[in-house]
PDB file of N, CA and C in Angstrom:
ATOM      1  N   MET A   1    -152.620  72.705 168.852  1.00  0.00           N
ATOM      2  CA  MET A   1    -154.030  71.585 169.141  1.00  0.00           C
ATOM      3  C   MET A   1    -152.914  71.876 170.704  1.00  0.00           C
ATOM      4  N   ARG A   2    -153.806  71.975 171.474  1.00  0.00           N
ATOM      5  CA  ARG A   2    -153.309  72.116 172.658  1.00  0.00           C
ATOM      6  C   ARG A   2    -152.730  70.812 173.647  1.00  0.00           C
ATOM      7  N   GLY A   3    -152.227  69.939 174.192  1.00  0.00           N
ATOM      8  CA  GLY A   3    -152.340  68.473 175.168  1.00  0.00           C
ATOM      9  C   GLY A   3    -151.604  67.750 173.882  1.00  0.00           C
ATOM     10  N   SER A   4    -150.764  66.007 174.574  1.00  0.00           N
ATOM     11  CA  SER A   4    -150.487  65.068 173.458  1.00  0.00           C
ATOM     12  C   SER A   4    -151.702  64.656 172.694  1.00  0.00           C
ATOM     13  N   THR A   5    -152.062  64.062 171.027  1.00  0.00           N
ATOM     14  CA  THR A   5    -152.150  63.264 170.528  1.00  0.00           C
ATOM     15  C   THR A   5    -152.406  62.273 170.846  1.00  0.00           C
ATOM     16  N   SER A   6    -153.373  61.033 170.516  1.00  0.00           N
ATOM     17  CA  SER A   6    -153.346  59.940 170.884  1.00  0.00           C
ATOM     18  C   SER A   6    -153.770  59.270 170.193  1.00  0.00           C
ATOM     19  N   ASN A   7    -153.399  57.853 168.967  1.00  0.00           N
ATOM     20  CA  ASN A   7    -153.937  57.151 167.782  1.00  0.00           C
ATOM     21  C   ASN A   7    -155.060  56.247 168.225  1.00  0.00           C
ATOM     22  N   GLN A   8    -156.205  56.368 167.719  1.00  0.00           N
ATOM     23  CA  GLN A   8    -157.017  55.511 167.835  1.00  0.00           C
ATOM     24  C   GLN A   8    -157.591  54.608 167.443  1.00  0.00           C
ATOM     25  N   ASN A   9    -156.794  54.355 166.470  1.00  0.00           N
ATOM     26  CA  ASN A   9    -156.495  53.204 165.641  1.00  0.00           C
ATOM     27  C   ASN A   9    -157.394  51.418 166.122  1.00  0.00           C
ATOM     28  N   ALA A  10    -156.919  51.550 167.423  1.00  0.00           N
ATOM     29  CA  ALA A  10    -157.380  49.867 168.334  1.00  0.00           C
ATOM     30  C   ALA A  10    -158.301  50.093 167.995  1.00  0.00           C
ATOM     31  N   MET A  11    -158.982  51.805 168.264  1.00  0.00           N
ATOM     32  CA  MET A  11    -160.351  51.202 168.631  1.00  0.00           C
ATOM     33  C   MET A  11    -161.368  50.897 167.045  1.00  0.00           C
ATOM     34  N   CYS A  12    -160.570  50.640 166.491  1.00  0.00           N
ATOM     35  CA  CYS A  12    -160.831  50.122 164.632  1.00  0.00           C
ATOM     36  C   CYS A  12    -161.571  49.257 164.714  1.00  0.00           C
ATOM     37  N   SER A  13    -161.667  47.448 163.818  1.00  0.00           N
ATOM     38  CA  SER A  13    -161.946  46.516 163.742  1.00  0.00           C
ATOM     39  C   SER A  13    -161.154  46.386 161.855  1.00  0.00           C
ATOM     40  N   TYR A  14    -160.924  45.462 161.302  1.00  0.00           N
ATOM     41  CA  TYR A  14    -161.213  45.830 160.318  1.00  0.00           C
ATOM     42  C   TYR A  14    -161.045  43.530 159.580  1.00  0.00           C
ATOM     43  N   VAL A  15    -161.442  42.949 161.094  1.00  0.00           N
ATOM     44  CA  VAL A  15    -161.560  41.643 160.555  1.00  0.00           C
ATOM     45  C   VAL A  15    -163.086  41.790 160.185  1.00  0.00           C
ATOM     46  N   SER A  16    -163.566  41.047 159.204  1.00  0.00           N
ATOM     47  CA  SER A  16    -164.436  40.684 158.667  1.00  0.00           C
ATOM     48  C   SER A  16    -165.613  39.735 159.295  1.00  0.00           C
ATOM     49  N   LEU A  17    -166.769  39.198 159.907  1.00  0.00           N
ATOM     50  CA  LEU A  17    -166.941  38.461 160.594  1.00  0.00           C
ATOM     51  C   LEU A  17    -167.328  37.194 159.614  1.00  0.00           C
ATOM     52  N   GLU A  18    -167.212  36.930 159.086  1.00  0.00           N
ATOM     53  CA  GLU A  18    -166.845  35.643 158.601  1.00  0.00           C
ATOM     54  C   GLU A  18    -165.628  35.418 159.223  1.00  0.00           C
ATOM     55  N   GLU A  19    -164.351  36.245 159.366  1.00  0.00           N
ATOM     56  CA  GLU A  19    -162.895  35.687 159.355  1.00  0.00           C
ATOM     57  C   GLU A  19    -162.787  35.782 161.763  1.00  0.00           C
ATOM     58  N   ARG A  20    -164.354  36.002 162.008  1.00  0.00           N
ATOM     59  CA  ARG A  20    -164.207  35.770 162.813  1.00  0.00           C
ATOM     60  C   ARG A  20    -165.061  34.957 163.772  1.00  0.00           C
ATOM     61  N   ILE A  21    -165.472  34.857 163.385  1.00  0.00           N
ATOM     62  CA  ILE A  21    -166.852  33.096 163.229  1.00  0.00           C
ATOM     63  C   ILE A  21    -165.365  31.722 162.373  1.00  0.00           C
ATOM     64  N   PRO A  22    -166.005  31.151 163.722  1.00  0.00           N
ATOM     65  CA  PRO A  22    -165.232  29.363 163.341  1.00  0.00           C
ATOM     66  C   PRO A  22    -166.591  29.148 162.387  1.00  0.00           C
ATOM     67  N   LYS A  23    -165.497  28.020 161.338  1.00  0.00           N
ATOM     68  CA  LYS A  23    -166.553  27.250 160.693  1.00  0.00           C
ATOM     69  C   LYS A  23    -167.897  27.054 161.109  1.00  0.00           C
ATOM     70  N   HIS A  24    -166.690  25.702 162.336  1.00  0.00           N
ATOM     71  CA  HIS A  24    -168.593  24.474 162.495  1.00  0.00           C
ATOM     72  C   HIS A  24    -168.951  26.092 163.474  1.00  0.00           C
ATOM     73  N   HIS A  25    -169.175  27.466 164.312  1.00  0.00           N
ATOM     74  CA  HIS A  25    -169.978  27.788 165.144  1.00  0.00           C
ATOM     75  C   HIS A  25    -171.745  28.024 164.651  1.00  0.00           C
ATOM     76  N   PRO A  26    -172.312  27.211 165.972  1.00  0.00           N
ATOM     77  CA  PRO A  26    -173.970  27.414 165.586  1.00  0.00           C
ATOM     78  C   PRO A  26    -174.311  28.649 164.916  1.00  0.00           C
ATOM     79  N   LEU A  27    -173.854  29.360 165.499  1.00  0.00           N
ATOM     80  CA  LEU A  27    -174.294  30.882 164.223  1.00  0.00           C
ATOM     81  C   LEU A  27    -174.551  30.288 162.751  1.00  0.00           C
ATOM     82  N   ARG A  28    -173.197  29.544 162.177  1.00  0.00           N
ATOM     83  CA  ARG A  28    -173.041  29.359 161.109  1.00  0.00           C
ATOM     84  C   ARG A  28    -174.429  29.279 160.756  1.00  0.00           C
ATOM     85  N   LYS A  29    -174.871  28.184 161.603  1.00  0.00           N
ATOM     86  CA  LYS A  29    -176.012  27.032 160.957  1.00  0.00           C
ATOM     87  C   LYS A  29    -177.514  27.628 160.755  1.00  0.00           C
ATOM     88  N   LEU A  30    -177.326  28.832 161.455  1.00  0.00           N
ATOM     89  CA  LEU A  30    -178.575  29.462 162.085  1.00  0.00           C
ATOM     90  C   LEU A  30    -178.644  30.825 160.891  1.00  0.00           C
ATOM     91  N   GLN A  31    -177.445  30.985 160.657  1.00  0.00           N
ATOM     92  CA  GLN A  31    -178.151  31.665 158.980  1.00  0.00           C
ATOM     93  C   GLN A  31    -177.833  30.648 158.342  1.00  0.00           C
ATOM     94  N   ARG A  32    -177.626  29.981 158.093  1.00  0.00           N
ATOM     95  CA  ARG A  32    -178.466  28.834 156.716  1.00  0.00           C
ATOM     96  C   ARG A  32    -179.605  28.885 157.085  1.00  0.00           C
ATOM     97  N   ILE A  33    -180.298  28.955 158.238  1.00  0.00           N
ATOM     98  CA  ILE A  33    -181.571  28.021 157.916  1.00  0.00           C
ATOM     99  C   ILE A  33    -182.854  30.251 157.770  1.00  0.00           C
ATOM    100  N   VAL A  34    -181.936  31.239 158.599  1.00  0.00           N
ATOM    101  CA  VAL A  34    -182.362  32.673 158.448  1.00  0.00           C
ATOM    102  C   VAL A  34    -182.625  32.549 157.470  1.00  0.00           C
ATOM    103  N   VAL A  35    -181.604  32.491 156.029  1.00  0.00           N
ATOM    104  CA  VAL A  35    -182.044  33.545 154.898  1.00  0.00           C
ATOM    105  C   VAL A  35    -182.515  32.800 154.241  1.00  0.00           C
ATOM    106  N   THR A  36    -182.147  31.193 154.557  1.00  0.00           N
ATOM    107  CA  THR A  36    -183.463  29.634 153.184  1.00  0.00           C
ATOM    108  C   THR A  36    -184.644  30.386 153.922  1.00  0.00           C
ATOM    109  N   ILE A  37    -185.519  30.886 155.041  1.00  0.00           N
ATOM    110  CA  ILE A  37    -186.058  31.192 155.867  1.00  0.00           C
ATOM    111  C   ILE A  37    -186.626  32.493 154.620  1.00  0.00           C
ATOM    112  N   LEU A  38    -185.328  33.595 154.420  1.00  0.00           N
ATOM    113  CA  LEU A  38    -186.121  35.361 154.111  1.00  0.00           C
ATOM    114  C   LEU A  38    -186.279  34.547 152.440  1.00  0.00           C
ATOM    115  N   ALA A  39    -185.694  33.206 151.750  1.00  0.00           N
ATOM    116  CA  ALA A  39    -185.662  33.747 150.536  1.00  0.00           C
ATOM    117  C   ALA A  39    -186.956  33.009 150.965  1.00  0.00           C
ATOM    118  N   THR A  40    -187.570  32.484 150.763  1.00  0.00           N
ATOM    119  CA  THR A  40    -189.351  31.887 151.345  1.00  0.00           C
ATOM    120  C   THR A  40    -189.825  33.700 151.150  1.00  0.00           C
ATOM    121  N   MET A  41    -189.236  34.483 151.733  1.00  0.00           N
ATOM    122  CA  MET A  41    -190.948  35.016 151.904  1.00  0.00           C
ATOM    123  C   MET A  41    -189.865  36.535 151.255  1.00  0.00           C
ATOM    124  N   ASP A  42    -189.522  36.731 149.616  1.00  0.00           N
ATOM    125  CA  ASP A  42    -189.414  37.193 148.963  1.00  0.00           C
ATOM    126  C   ASP A  42    -190.545  37.862 147.951  1.00  0.00           C
ATOM    127  N   LYS A  43    -191.372  36.959 148.365  1.00  0.00           N
ATOM    128  CA  LYS A  43    -192.737  38.065 147.306  1.00  0.00           C
ATOM    129  C   LYS A  43    -193.296  39.104 148.506  1.00  0.00           C
ATOM    130  N   GLU A  44    -193.166  38.515 149.724  1.00  0.00           N
ATOM    131  CA  GLU A  44    -194.050  39.819 151.018  1.00  0.00           C
ATOM    132  C   GLU A  44    -193.174  40.528 151.039  1.00  0.00           C
ATOM    133  N   PHE A  45    -191.958  40.123 151.233  1.00  0.00           N
ATOM    134  CA  PHE A  45    -191.008  42.352 150.718  1.00  0.00           C
ATOM    135  C   PHE A  45    -191.364  42.409 149.467  1.00  0.00           C
ATOM    136  N   GLU A  46    -191.310  42.779 148.704  1.00  0.00           N
ATOM    137  CA  GLU A  46    -191.645  42.669 147.086  1.00  0.00           C
ATOM    138  C   GLU A  46    -192.552  43.561 146.902  1.00  0.00           C
ATOM    139  N   ALA A  47    -194.040  43.420 148.371  1.00  0.00           N
ATOM    140  CA  ALA A  47    -195.383  43.773 148.054  1.00  0.00           C
ATOM    141  C   ALA A  47    -194.792  44.963 149.426  1.00  0.00           C
ATOM    142  N   VAL A  48    -194.205  45.074 149.482  1.00  0.00           N
ATOM    143  CA  VAL A  48    -194.692  46.314 150.238  1.00  0.00           C
ATOM    144  C   VAL A  48    -193.792  47.691 150.323  1.00  0.00           C
TER     145      VAL A  48
END
């Protein structure tokens, strides 16, 4: 190869979303609501 090589590991993130979002962040409440709603729609999803 010509020229210098650069390591691009800094571009990748290996931290899970669970670690990134604080415990009491509003997104967590929204996630529980969405999961509950989607669970009630299981039969509709299975039909598709």
